[in-house]
Amino acid sequence: MRRAWTVTVAALAAGLLGACTDPSSAPGAPPMSAAAPRPSATTHQRPAASPAPSPSVEPPTVLYLGDSLAVEAQEVLGRELRRQVRARYTAAPHSGTTLCDYLEGTGGRSLVPPRDKAATLVRALRPDYVVLQFWGNAWGYTPCMDGITHDAAPERYLERYAADARRLTEQIAEAGGDRRPRIVWVLQGPDPLVPDRVRRVNGIYERRAAASGDLVADAGRAVTAPGARHAWTRYVPCGAVERAHPDLCTDPARGRTVLHRADDPLHFCLAPTTSAPRPCPVPSPGVLRTAGEIARVVTEDAGGPG
């Protein structure tokens, strides 16, 4: 619902602290930190005491996994889920990763340590929701992709990606047992170099969600211009809340706000990039918009405000 989106943006704008990561995980190059995978990035965040949703809403447990786009959004998403549904929230994103990195059984070929594998965390945390946000590592950096790249073999890449999506769903379901979590597949914004790639990756997510009875959060639509879902853009028209907050409507004279830094066409953090992945330290409209859409989907499904 549009009303739910407005409420989400307003709350996030009041205390936005996004997340940002290194520029070299943009299309065409692996993340700088990936050469030596960092220690577990798992963060555990407890629900805030107030404001609280309706007493009839049971606070859900939410697990957030993903790549550098999840690294940059993890704090914003956690804060909004706690605000709306008092969620018990854990984030374990790793820059430069793709679906296969979170599969158990990938061993040393993965950028994700064993303790942060999806099934391992599901068994430990018993989440109600597992949010998966992956742009779709297309350049084959992560070893678990076995050198398969979109440029060299697009159909093989997409087949492998679909197979990994199915395997990850199966491992999460098996780990959940009689408390299988609902998976939220996050649809991505446009690929600035190969628009059709993200369109087809998003199609994999949508079909996987439909086949398994899971959810889709179209965060990518929130960072595209109206009527141009698969066209990359650096700017979008300012929304009402962005117009009300000068830090968020970055070009008010033209009625538009910036989504990407000039030196990074993929990420949404507007702070200078660093070699070590980190949550974005400055208000960033793209982070706000994508995290807001994910929170909206989870909140509505959990029976919270909407």
Protein backbone atom coordinates (compact mmCIF):
# COMPACT_ATOMS: atom_id res chain seq x y z
CA MET A 1 0.00 0.00 0.00
CA ARG A 2 1.22 3.51 -0.75
CA ARG A 3 0.21 4.72 2.73
CA ALA A 4 2.44 2.10 4.32
CA TRP A 5 5.33 3.26 2.14
CA THR A 6 4.84 6.88 3.22
CA VAL A 7 4.84 5.94 6.88
CA THR A 8 7.97 3.85 6.41
CA VAL A 9 9.89 6.62 4.66
CA ALA A 10 8.89 9.20 7.25
CA ALA A 11 10.10 7.06 10.13
CA LEU A 12 13.37 6.21 8.42
CA ALA A 13 14.01 9.83 7.47
CA ALA A 14 13.85 10.85 11.10
CA GLY A 15 16.97 8.87 12.01
CA LEU A 16 18.50 7.49 8.84
CA LEU A 17 21.78 5.65 9.19
CA GLY A 18 22.13 3.45 6.12
CA ALA A 19 24.92 1.13 5.08
CA CYS A 20 27.61 1.43 2.46
CA THR A 21 30.31 -0.79 1.09
CA ASP A 22 33.30 -0.67 -1.16
CA PRO A 23 33.08 0.52 -4.78
CA SER A 24 34.88 -2.42 -6.34
CA SER A 25 31.89 -4.71 -5.86
CA ALA A 26 30.16 -2.68 -8.54
CA PRO A 27 29.62 -4.35 -11.93
CA GLY A 28 32.83 -5.54 -13.53
CA ALA A 29 35.00 -5.92 -10.43
CA PRO A 30 34.97 -7.91 -7.21
CA PRO A 31 34.80 -6.19 -3.82
CA MET A 32 38.16 -5.10 -2.43
CA SER A 33 37.44 -6.95 0.80
CA ALA A 34 36.69 -10.23 -0.93
CA ALA A 35 40.32 -11.18 -1.43
CA ALA A 36 40.48 -11.90 2.28
CA PRO A 37 36.95 -12.64 3.54
CA ARG A 38 36.31 -10.72 6.72
CA PRO A 39 35.10 -12.25 9.97
CA SER A 40 31.42 -12.85 10.45
CA ALA A 41 29.37 -9.69 9.98
CA THR A 42 26.43 -11.09 11.90
CA THR A 43 24.69 -8.47 13.98
CA HIS A 44 21.95 -9.11 16.50
CA GLN A 45 19.56 -6.29 17.24
CA ARG A 46 16.82 -6.46 19.84
CA PRO A 47 13.43 -4.81 19.37
CA ALA A 48 12.97 -1.27 20.61
CA ALA A 49 10.61 -0.77 23.54
CA SER A 50 8.49 1.78 21.66
CA PRO A 51 6.65 2.68 19.58
CA ALA A 52 4.99 -0.73 19.42
CA PRO A 53 2.47 -2.20 16.99
CA SER A 54 -0.88 -3.53 18.05
CA PRO A 55 -0.61 -5.92 21.02
CA SER A 56 -2.23 -8.59 18.85
CA VAL A 57 0.81 -8.68 16.56
CA GLU A 58 3.38 -11.24 17.67
CA PRO A 59 6.88 -9.77 17.15
CA PRO A 60 8.49 -11.75 14.32
CA THR A 61 12.08 -12.91 14.14
CA VAL A 62 13.75 -11.71 10.94
CA LEU A 63 17.04 -12.88 9.42
CA TYR A 64 18.60 -10.69 6.71
CA LEU A 65 21.20 -12.19 4.35
CA GLY A 66 22.78 -10.80 1.23
CA ASP A 67 25.62 -9.09 -0.55
CA SER A 68 26.98 -5.54 -0.43
CA LEU A 69 23.53 -4.07 -1.03
CA ALA A 70 22.39 -5.78 2.15
CA VAL A 71 25.49 -4.57 3.96
CA GLU A 72 24.52 -0.99 3.18
CA ALA A 73 20.85 -1.45 4.18
CA GLN A 74 21.15 -3.65 7.26
CA GLU A 75 20.90 -0.99 9.97
CA VAL A 76 18.07 0.91 8.30
CA LEU A 77 16.05 -2.25 7.75
CA GLY A 78 16.56 -3.44 11.31
CA ARG A 79 15.55 -0.12 12.77
CA GLU A 80 12.35 0.02 10.71
CA LEU A 81 11.34 -3.56 11.46
CA ARG A 82 11.81 -2.94 15.16
CA ARG A 83 9.74 0.22 14.93
CA GLN A 84 6.85 -1.33 13.05
CA VAL A 85 6.61 -4.86 14.48
CA ARG A 86 9.16 -4.97 17.34
CA ALA A 87 11.08 -7.52 15.29
CA ARG A 88 13.88 -9.61 16.71
CA TYR A 89 16.41 -8.94 13.99
CA THR A 90 19.67 -10.50 12.86
CA ALA A 91 21.71 -9.41 9.85
CA ALA A 92 24.57 -11.43 8.38
CA PRO A 93 25.38 -9.94 4.95
CA HIS A 94 28.74 -10.41 3.25
CA SER A 95 30.02 -8.20 0.46
CA GLY A 96 30.66 -9.76 -2.94
CA THR A 97 28.55 -12.85 -2.34
CA THR A 98 25.83 -14.62 -4.24
CA LEU A 99 23.31 -17.34 -3.41
CA CYS A 100 25.78 -20.22 -3.49
CA ASP A 101 27.91 -18.58 -0.79
CA TYR A 102 25.10 -19.14 1.73
CA LEU A 103 24.63 -22.80 0.83
CA GLU A 104 25.92 -25.40 3.24
CA GLY A 105 28.39 -27.73 1.61
CA THR A 106 30.38 -25.11 -0.32
CA GLY A 107 33.30 -25.32 2.13
CA GLY A 108 36.35 -23.25 1.30
CA ARG A 109 34.85 -22.16 -2.02
CA SER A 110 32.55 -19.72 -0.23
CA LEU A 111 33.03 -16.15 0.99
CA VAL A 112 30.60 -16.82 3.86
CA PRO A 113 31.98 -18.57 6.97
CA PRO A 114 30.20 -21.73 8.16
CA ARG A 115 28.60 -19.97 11.14
CA ASP A 116 26.76 -17.58 8.78
CA LYS A 117 25.36 -20.13 6.32
CA ALA A 118 21.63 -19.67 5.84
CA ALA A 119 20.62 -23.08 7.20
CA THR A 120 22.99 -22.76 10.17
CA LEU A 121 21.45 -19.45 11.18
CA VAL A 122 17.91 -20.74 10.64
CA ARG A 123 18.56 -23.65 12.98
CA ALA A 124 20.03 -21.31 15.60
CA LEU A 125 17.58 -18.41 15.40
CA ARG A 126 14.32 -20.07 14.27
CA PRO A 127 13.30 -16.99 12.27
CA ASP A 128 9.83 -16.32 10.94
CA TYR A 129 11.30 -14.56 7.88
CA VAL A 130 14.54 -14.91 5.94
CA VAL A 131 15.14 -11.90 3.69
CA LEU A 132 17.48 -12.61 0.76
CA GLN A 133 18.92 -9.64 -1.14
CA PHE A 134 21.36 -10.47 -3.93
CA TRP A 135 22.12 -8.33 -6.96
CA GLY A 136 23.34 -11.49 -8.65
CA ASN A 137 27.14 -11.60 -8.74
CA ALA A 138 27.63 -11.70 -12.51
CA TRP A 139 31.39 -11.59 -12.86
CA GLY A 140 32.18 -14.94 -11.25
CA TYR A 141 34.37 -13.62 -8.46
CA THR A 142 33.02 -15.79 -5.70
CA PRO A 143 34.62 -19.27 -6.00
CA CYS A 144 31.37 -21.14 -5.49
CA MET A 145 30.14 -19.93 -8.91
CA ASP A 146 32.83 -22.16 -10.47
CA GLY A 147 33.88 -19.46 -12.89
CA ILE A 148 30.42 -19.10 -14.45
CA THR A 149 29.86 -15.51 -15.56
CA HIS A 150 26.97 -13.78 -17.28
CA ASP A 151 29.20 -12.21 -19.91
CA ALA A 152 30.73 -15.51 -21.02
CA ALA A 153 27.71 -17.79 -20.68
CA PRO A 154 24.46 -15.98 -19.85
CA GLU A 155 22.17 -18.99 -20.13
CA ARG A 156 24.46 -21.18 -18.03
CA TYR A 157 24.72 -18.39 -15.47
CA LEU A 158 20.94 -18.08 -15.22
CA GLU A 159 20.44 -21.86 -15.01
CA ARG A 160 22.99 -22.06 -12.21
CA TYR A 161 21.40 -19.12 -10.44
CA ALA A 162 17.96 -20.73 -10.56
CA ALA A 163 19.39 -24.02 -9.28
CA ASP A 164 21.08 -22.24 -6.38
CA ALA A 165 17.84 -20.43 -5.54
CA ARG A 166 16.05 -23.78 -5.36
CA ARG A 167 18.81 -25.37 -3.25
CA LEU A 168 18.90 -22.43 -0.86
CA THR A 169 15.12 -22.59 -0.45
CA GLU A 170 15.35 -26.31 0.27
CA GLN A 171 18.13 -25.90 2.84
CA ILE A 172 16.26 -23.11 4.63
CA ALA A 173 13.05 -25.14 4.67
CA GLU A 174 14.79 -28.25 5.97
CA ALA A 175 16.59 -26.26 8.66
CA GLY A 176 13.32 -24.69 9.75
CA GLY A 177 11.57 -28.04 10.13
CA ASP A 178 8.04 -27.62 11.44
CA ARG A 179 8.70 -23.88 11.75
CA ARG A 180 9.69 -23.20 8.17
CA PRO A 181 10.40 -19.47 7.76
CA ARG A 182 8.92 -17.50 4.92
CA ILE A 183 11.57 -16.35 2.48
CA VAL A 184 11.41 -12.78 1.19
CA TRP A 185 13.12 -12.55 -2.20
CA VAL A 186 14.21 -8.95 -2.82
CA LEU A 187 13.94 -7.85 -6.44
CA GLN A 188 16.87 -5.76 -7.57
CA GLY A 189 17.22 -2.45 -9.32
CA PRO A 190 18.48 -2.22 -12.90
CA ASP A 191 21.89 -3.42 -13.98
CA PRO A 192 23.53 -0.28 -15.42
CA LEU A 193 25.48 -2.33 -17.97
CA VAL A 194 23.21 -5.26 -18.90
CA PRO A 195 19.56 -4.37 -18.12
CA ASP A 196 18.17 -7.72 -19.23
CA ARG A 197 20.32 -9.60 -16.69
CA VAL A 198 18.57 -8.18 -13.64
CA ARG A 199 15.18 -8.54 -15.34
CA ARG A 200 15.82 -12.27 -15.70
CA VAL A 201 17.36 -12.66 -12.24
CA ASN A 202 14.29 -10.99 -10.76
CA GLY A 203 12.18 -13.43 -12.75
CA ILE A 204 14.03 -16.30 -11.05
CA TYR A 205 13.21 -14.81 -7.67
CA GLU A 206 9.55 -14.33 -8.56
CA ARG A 207 9.13 -17.88 -9.85
CA ARG A 208 10.96 -19.32 -6.86
CA ALA A 209 8.70 -17.41 -4.46
CA ALA A 210 5.58 -18.52 -6.30
CA ALA A 211 6.67 -22.16 -6.35
CA SER A 212 7.46 -22.22 -2.63
CA GLY A 213 4.71 -20.00 -1.25
CA ASP A 214 7.16 -17.27 -0.30
CA LEU A 215 7.20 -13.48 -0.66
CA VAL A 216 8.65 -10.90 -3.04
CA ALA A 217 9.73 -7.37 -2.10
CA ASP A 218 10.22 -5.21 -5.18
CA ALA A 219 12.83 -2.91 -3.71
CA GLY A 220 14.19 -2.36 -7.20
CA ARG A 221 11.04 -0.54 -8.28
CA ALA A 222 11.61 2.00 -5.51
CA VAL A 223 14.90 3.07 -7.14
CA THR A 224 13.68 3.49 -10.71
CA ALA A 225 11.83 6.29 -12.41
CA PRO A 226 8.05 5.95 -12.80
CA GLY A 227 7.20 3.79 -15.79
CA ALA A 228 10.81 2.71 -16.33
CA ARG A 229 11.25 -0.31 -14.06
CA HIS A 230 14.28 -1.75 -15.86
CA ALA A 231 16.02 1.46 -16.91
CA TRP A 232 19.00 2.47 -14.76
CA THR A 233 18.95 6.04 -13.53
CA ARG A 234 21.07 8.09 -11.20
CA TYR A 235 18.17 10.37 -10.25
CA VAL A 236 14.49 9.90 -9.42
CA PRO A 237 11.79 12.46 -8.65
CA CYS A 238 11.69 13.46 -4.99
CA GLY A 239 8.77 12.02 -3.06
CA ALA A 240 6.76 13.99 -0.54
CA VAL A 241 8.91 12.97 2.39
CA GLU A 242 12.13 13.64 0.48
CA ARG A 243 10.89 17.11 -0.41
CA ALA A 244 10.22 17.72 3.27
CA HIS A 245 13.80 16.74 4.23
CA PRO A 246 16.53 18.76 2.47
CA ASP A 247 19.13 16.04 3.08
CA LEU A 248 17.01 13.56 1.15
CA CYS A 249 15.88 15.71 -1.78
CA THR A 250 19.38 16.38 -3.03
CA ASP A 251 18.44 18.49 -6.08
CA PRO A 252 15.29 20.39 -5.04
CA ALA A 253 15.58 22.93 -7.86
CA ARG A 254 14.94 20.11 -10.34
CA GLY A 255 12.63 18.18 -8.02
CA ARG A 256 14.88 15.14 -8.02
CA THR A 257 17.13 13.19 -5.68
CA VAL A 258 20.31 11.26 -6.36
CA LEU A 259 20.51 7.49 -5.88
CA HIS A 260 24.14 6.74 -6.73
CA ARG A 261 27.48 8.42 -6.37
CA ALA A 262 29.11 9.36 -9.67
CA ASP A 263 31.85 6.79 -9.06
CA ASP A 264 29.55 3.90 -8.12
CA PRO A 265 26.56 3.01 -10.33
CA LEU A 266 25.45 0.04 -8.22
CA HIS A 267 25.40 0.96 -4.53
CA PHE A 268 23.09 3.48 -2.90
CA CYS A 269 25.27 4.87 -0.11
CA LEU A 270 26.22 8.49 -0.82
CA ALA A 271 29.21 8.53 1.52
CA PRO A 272 32.73 8.09 0.12
CA THR A 273 33.42 4.42 -0.34
CA THR A 274 35.90 2.48 1.77
CA SER A 275 37.87 -0.72 1.37
CA ALA A 276 36.10 -2.36 4.31
CA PRO A 277 32.36 -3.00 3.95
CA ARG A 278 30.30 -0.95 6.40
CA PRO A 279 26.81 0.38 7.06
CA CYS A 280 26.34 3.67 5.25
CA PRO A 281 26.98 6.61 7.61
CA VAL A 282 24.95 9.29 5.80
CA PRO A 283 21.30 9.75 4.79
CA SER A 284 20.94 8.11 1.38
CA PRO A 285 17.62 8.08 -0.50
CA GLY A 286 18.32 4.79 -2.29
CA VAL A 287 19.06 2.97 0.96
CA LEU A 288 15.97 4.50 2.52
CA ARG A 289 13.75 3.46 -0.38
CA THR A 290 14.96 -0.13 -0.73
CA ALA A 291 14.93 -0.88 3.00
CA GLY A 292 11.52 0.73 3.29
CA GLU A 293 10.00 -1.58 0.69
CA ILE A 294 11.45 -4.69 2.32
CA ALA A 295 10.13 -3.57 5.71
CA ARG A 296 6.71 -2.88 4.22
CA VAL A 297 6.38 -6.40 2.82
CA VAL A 298 7.47 -8.08 6.05
CA THR A 299 5.32 -5.79 8.20
CA GLU A 300 2.18 -6.36 6.16
CA ASP A 301 2.67 -10.12 6.11
CA ALA A 302 3.29 -10.15 9.86
CA GLY A 303 0.05 -8.28 10.45
CA GLY A 304 1.59 -5.00 11.50
CA PRO A 305 0.74 -1.44 10.44
CA GLY A 306 -0.41 -1.14 6.88
